[in-house]
Amino acid sequence: MTSQKSSKPTKEKIFDVSIDLFSEKGFDAVSIREIGRGVGIRESSIYNHYSSKEAILDTILDYFIKEMDETGIPEEQMEILLDQSPEMFYQAGSKMFEERMHDPKMIKIWRLLLIEMYHNSKIKEFFLKELIETPIQAWTQIFTAMIEKNIIKPVDPERLAREYFSYAIYLLIENFVLKYPDEPEKFLREMFDDMEEHMQFILNSVKIE
């Protein structure tokens, strides 16, 4: 890891280098000393900005949540989009999510979360709550609204949410762990095309014509 010589504040350099190293090697395999070398500062200087390696991880998780929150569709717009078509609703949310995913930091954080969710209890709890339970609850509410609007058949909305969302998790693991890419623009486009095809498959299975 080369020294990060730029006009960025030191705390931001530590943040960026930590994301690079954690996503490449895993959280446990990276030491504060190694982060310091990557930034080009003494190990002890890191403690002027972060109290511990765990504190750096907390900041990364906070950053991730803030960015992901920006991908949500406002409730008033959600009603309008659902009344137009479920496809329009999906495409609006997908577009905002995809824009955030073009941030190189987000790609690396996704990889960090996926490779560490078994080893690191904090990341495991974070992943379960923020990236499985909360999205499934949200999609359950969305599919419930579609049923009430007579857009889709009266199926179990939670089961439908799980069937729908589990494929997205599979694609994330496939691309961010098993096929971690050298060409993020290409793999992101292919991944989102695949997600959209899956969404259409699910909707065609339950949509009321």
Protein backbone atom coordinates (compact mmCIF):
# COMPACT_ATOMS: atom_id res chain seq x y z
CA MET A 1 0.00 0.00 0.00
CA THR A 2 1.53 3.27 -1.09
CA SER A 3 1.42 6.44 0.97
CA GLN A 4 -1.63 8.61 0.33
CA LYS A 5 -0.09 11.99 -0.51
CA SER A 6 -2.92 14.40 -1.22
CA SER A 7 -4.64 17.49 0.09
CA LYS A 8 -7.20 15.40 1.98
CA PRO A 9 -7.41 15.85 5.75
CA THR A 10 -5.51 13.15 7.61
CA LYS A 11 -8.69 11.67 9.10
CA GLU A 12 -10.17 11.22 5.64
CA LYS A 13 -6.95 9.58 4.42
CA ILE A 14 -7.12 7.14 7.34
CA PHE A 15 -10.74 6.39 6.46
CA ASP A 16 -9.96 5.77 2.78
CA VAL A 17 -6.87 3.64 3.41
CA SER A 18 -8.75 1.58 6.00
CA ILE A 19 -11.53 0.82 3.51
CA ASP A 20 -8.92 -0.22 0.94
CA LEU A 21 -7.09 -2.51 3.35
CA PHE A 22 -10.16 -3.98 5.12
CA SER A 23 -11.83 -4.84 1.80
CA GLU A 24 -8.64 -6.37 0.43
CA LYS A 25 -7.42 -8.36 3.45
CA GLY A 26 -10.31 -8.47 5.92
CA PHE A 27 -10.73 -6.47 9.12
CA ASP A 28 -8.81 -8.77 11.47
CA ALA A 29 -5.80 -9.08 9.15
CA VAL A 30 -5.12 -5.33 9.10
CA SER A 31 -3.24 -3.61 11.90
CA ILE A 32 -3.23 0.03 12.95
CA ARG A 33 0.47 0.07 12.03
CA GLU A 34 -0.35 -1.04 8.48
CA ILE A 35 -3.01 1.67 8.17
CA GLY A 36 -0.46 4.22 9.33
CA ARG A 37 2.01 3.05 6.70
CA GLY A 38 -0.65 3.33 4.01
CA VAL A 39 -1.45 6.89 5.04
CA GLY A 40 2.19 7.82 5.53
CA ILE A 41 1.97 8.66 9.23
CA ARG A 42 3.10 7.09 12.49
CA GLU A 43 0.89 4.47 14.08
CA SER A 44 0.47 6.66 17.16
CA SER A 45 -0.81 9.56 15.02
CA ILE A 46 -3.91 7.57 14.06
CA TYR A 47 -5.09 7.77 17.67
CA ASN A 48 -5.35 11.56 17.31
CA HIS A 49 -8.28 10.87 14.96
CA TYR A 50 -9.70 7.46 15.93
CA SER A 51 -9.61 5.81 19.33
CA SER A 52 -9.22 2.31 17.87
CA LYS A 53 -9.53 0.15 14.78
CA GLU A 54 -13.11 -0.59 15.89
CA ALA A 55 -13.82 3.16 15.83
CA ILE A 56 -12.67 3.29 12.22
CA LEU A 57 -15.02 0.40 11.40
CA ASP A 58 -17.90 2.21 13.14
CA THR A 59 -17.26 5.26 10.97
CA ILE A 60 -17.26 3.10 7.83
CA LEU A 61 -20.60 1.52 8.82
CA ASP A 62 -22.08 4.95 9.54
CA TYR A 63 -20.93 6.18 6.13
CA PHE A 64 -22.46 3.12 4.46
CA ILE A 65 -25.84 3.60 6.18
CA LYS A 66 -25.91 7.30 5.30
CA GLU A 67 -25.25 6.52 1.64
CA MET A 68 -27.81 3.70 1.57
CA ASP A 69 -30.45 5.91 3.19
CA GLU A 70 -30.10 8.24 0.21
CA THR A 71 -31.39 5.44 -2.07
CA GLY A 72 -34.82 5.33 -0.43
CA ILE A 73 -37.89 6.61 -2.26
CA PRO A 74 -39.88 9.25 -0.29
CA GLU A 75 -43.27 7.91 0.83
CA GLU A 76 -45.27 10.45 -1.17
CA GLN A 77 -43.35 9.60 -4.36
CA MET A 78 -43.73 5.89 -3.62
CA GLU A 79 -47.53 6.14 -3.87
CA ILE A 80 -47.31 7.98 -7.19
CA LEU A 81 -44.89 5.46 -8.68
CA LEU A 82 -46.92 2.47 -7.50
CA ASP A 83 -50.02 3.95 -9.12
CA GLN A 84 -48.13 4.26 -12.41
CA SER A 85 -46.67 0.74 -12.46
CA PRO A 86 -44.58 -1.53 -10.21
CA GLU A 87 -41.85 -1.42 -12.86
CA MET A 88 -41.61 2.37 -12.58
CA PHE A 89 -41.36 2.01 -8.80
CA TYR A 90 -38.51 -0.48 -9.09
CA GLN A 91 -36.61 1.53 -11.70
CA ALA A 92 -36.75 4.73 -9.62
CA GLY A 93 -35.31 2.99 -6.56
CA SER A 94 -32.83 0.97 -8.58
CA LYS A 95 -31.49 4.09 -10.29
CA MET A 96 -30.73 5.79 -6.96
CA PHE A 97 -29.13 2.63 -5.57
CA GLU A 98 -27.00 2.19 -8.70
CA GLU A 99 -25.77 5.79 -8.52
CA ARG A 100 -24.50 5.18 -4.98
CA MET A 101 -22.86 1.94 -6.07
CA HIS A 102 -20.66 3.78 -8.54
CA ASP A 103 -18.84 5.26 -5.54
CA PRO A 104 -15.65 3.14 -5.29
CA LYS A 105 -15.88 3.34 -1.49
CA MET A 106 -19.31 1.68 -1.55
CA ILE A 107 -18.05 -1.18 -3.72
CA LYS A 108 -15.23 -1.82 -1.25
CA ILE A 109 -17.50 -1.54 1.79
CA TRP A 110 -19.97 -4.03 0.29
CA ARG A 111 -17.07 -6.43 -0.20
CA LEU A 112 -15.87 -5.83 3.37
CA LEU A 113 -19.32 -6.58 4.77
CA LEU A 114 -19.72 -9.74 2.73
CA ILE A 115 -16.30 -11.23 3.49
CA GLU A 116 -16.46 -10.35 7.22
CA MET A 117 -20.07 -11.19 8.11
CA TYR A 118 -19.04 -14.65 9.34
CA HIS A 119 -15.90 -13.66 11.26
CA ASN A 120 -16.87 -10.32 12.78
CA SER A 121 -19.84 -10.27 15.18
CA LYS A 122 -20.44 -6.52 14.75
CA ILE A 123 -20.59 -6.85 10.97
CA LYS A 124 -22.75 -9.98 11.26
CA GLU A 125 -25.33 -8.13 13.39
CA PHE A 126 -25.13 -5.10 11.11
CA PHE A 127 -25.64 -7.23 8.00
CA LEU A 128 -28.61 -9.11 9.46
CA LYS A 129 -30.38 -5.97 10.64
CA GLU A 130 -29.57 -3.42 7.94
CA LEU A 131 -29.13 -5.58 4.85
CA ILE A 132 -31.55 -8.46 5.39
CA GLU A 133 -34.23 -7.76 8.01
CA THR A 134 -34.85 -4.07 7.23
CA PRO A 135 -35.02 -4.49 3.41
CA ILE A 136 -37.31 -7.53 3.72
CA GLN A 137 -39.63 -5.55 6.00
CA ALA A 138 -39.64 -2.71 3.48
CA TRP A 139 -40.37 -5.01 0.54
CA THR A 140 -43.09 -6.77 2.55
CA GLN A 141 -44.80 -3.39 2.98
CA ILE A 142 -44.36 -2.61 -0.72
CA PHE A 143 -45.83 -5.94 -1.83
CA THR A 144 -48.67 -5.53 0.68
CA ALA A 145 -49.46 -2.17 -0.93
CA MET A 146 -49.40 -3.80 -4.38
CA ILE A 147 -51.86 -6.45 -3.18
CA GLU A 148 -54.16 -3.78 -1.71
CA LYS A 149 -54.05 -1.87 -5.00
CA ASN A 150 -54.93 -5.08 -6.85
CA ILE A 151 -51.65 -4.92 -8.80
CA ILE A 152 -50.47 -8.40 -7.79
CA LYS A 153 -52.20 -11.57 -6.62
CA PRO A 154 -53.04 -11.96 -2.90
CA VAL A 155 -49.94 -13.99 -2.00
CA ASP A 156 -48.02 -13.96 1.27
CA PRO A 157 -46.19 -10.60 0.98
CA GLU A 158 -43.38 -11.54 3.37
CA ARG A 159 -42.67 -14.79 1.53
CA LEU A 160 -42.69 -12.88 -1.76
CA ALA A 161 -40.29 -10.30 -0.28
CA ARG A 162 -37.90 -13.06 0.80
CA GLU A 163 -38.08 -14.78 -2.59
CA TYR A 164 -37.43 -11.46 -4.32
CA PHE A 165 -34.66 -10.15 -2.06
CA SER A 166 -32.71 -13.40 -1.67
CA TYR A 167 -31.64 -13.22 -5.32
CA ALA A 168 -30.19 -9.74 -4.79
CA ILE A 169 -28.09 -11.07 -1.90
CA TYR A 170 -26.92 -13.94 -4.11
CA LEU A 171 -25.83 -11.49 -6.83
CA LEU A 172 -23.93 -9.39 -4.30
CA ILE A 173 -22.05 -12.43 -2.98
CA GLU A 174 -21.35 -13.69 -6.50
CA ASN A 175 -19.96 -10.35 -7.70
CA PHE A 176 -18.36 -8.84 -4.58
CA VAL A 177 -16.81 -12.04 -3.21
CA LEU A 178 -16.56 -14.83 -5.77
CA LYS A 179 -15.91 -12.67 -8.83
CA TYR A 180 -14.53 -9.52 -7.22
CA PRO A 181 -14.08 -7.43 -10.34
CA ASP A 182 -11.32 -5.52 -12.03
CA GLU A 183 -13.91 -3.65 -14.15
CA PRO A 184 -16.53 -2.26 -11.73
CA GLU A 185 -18.46 -0.33 -14.39
CA LYS A 186 -18.98 -3.50 -16.44
CA PHE A 187 -19.88 -5.76 -13.53
CA LEU A 188 -22.28 -3.21 -12.01
CA ARG A 189 -24.15 -2.83 -15.28
CA GLU A 190 -24.45 -6.61 -15.68
CA MET A 191 -25.52 -7.03 -12.05
CA PHE A 192 -28.25 -4.41 -12.25
CA ASP A 193 -29.50 -5.79 -15.58
CA ASP A 194 -29.73 -9.21 -13.91
CA MET A 195 -31.57 -7.73 -10.91
CA GLU A 196 -34.08 -6.03 -13.22
CA GLU A 197 -34.71 -9.26 -15.14
CA HIS A 198 -35.32 -11.04 -11.85
CA MET A 199 -37.71 -8.31 -10.67
CA GLN A 200 -39.64 -8.65 -13.93
CA PHE A 201 -39.74 -12.44 -13.56
CA ILE A 202 -41.15 -12.15 -10.02
CA LEU A 203 -43.75 -9.55 -11.03
CA ASN A 204 -44.85 -11.52 -14.08
CA SER A 205 -45.41 -14.51 -11.80
CA VAL A 206 -47.79 -12.65 -9.48
CA LYS A 207 -49.06 -9.68 -11.50
CA ILE A 208 -52.78 -9.39 -12.20
CA GLU A 209 -53.26 -8.85 -15.94
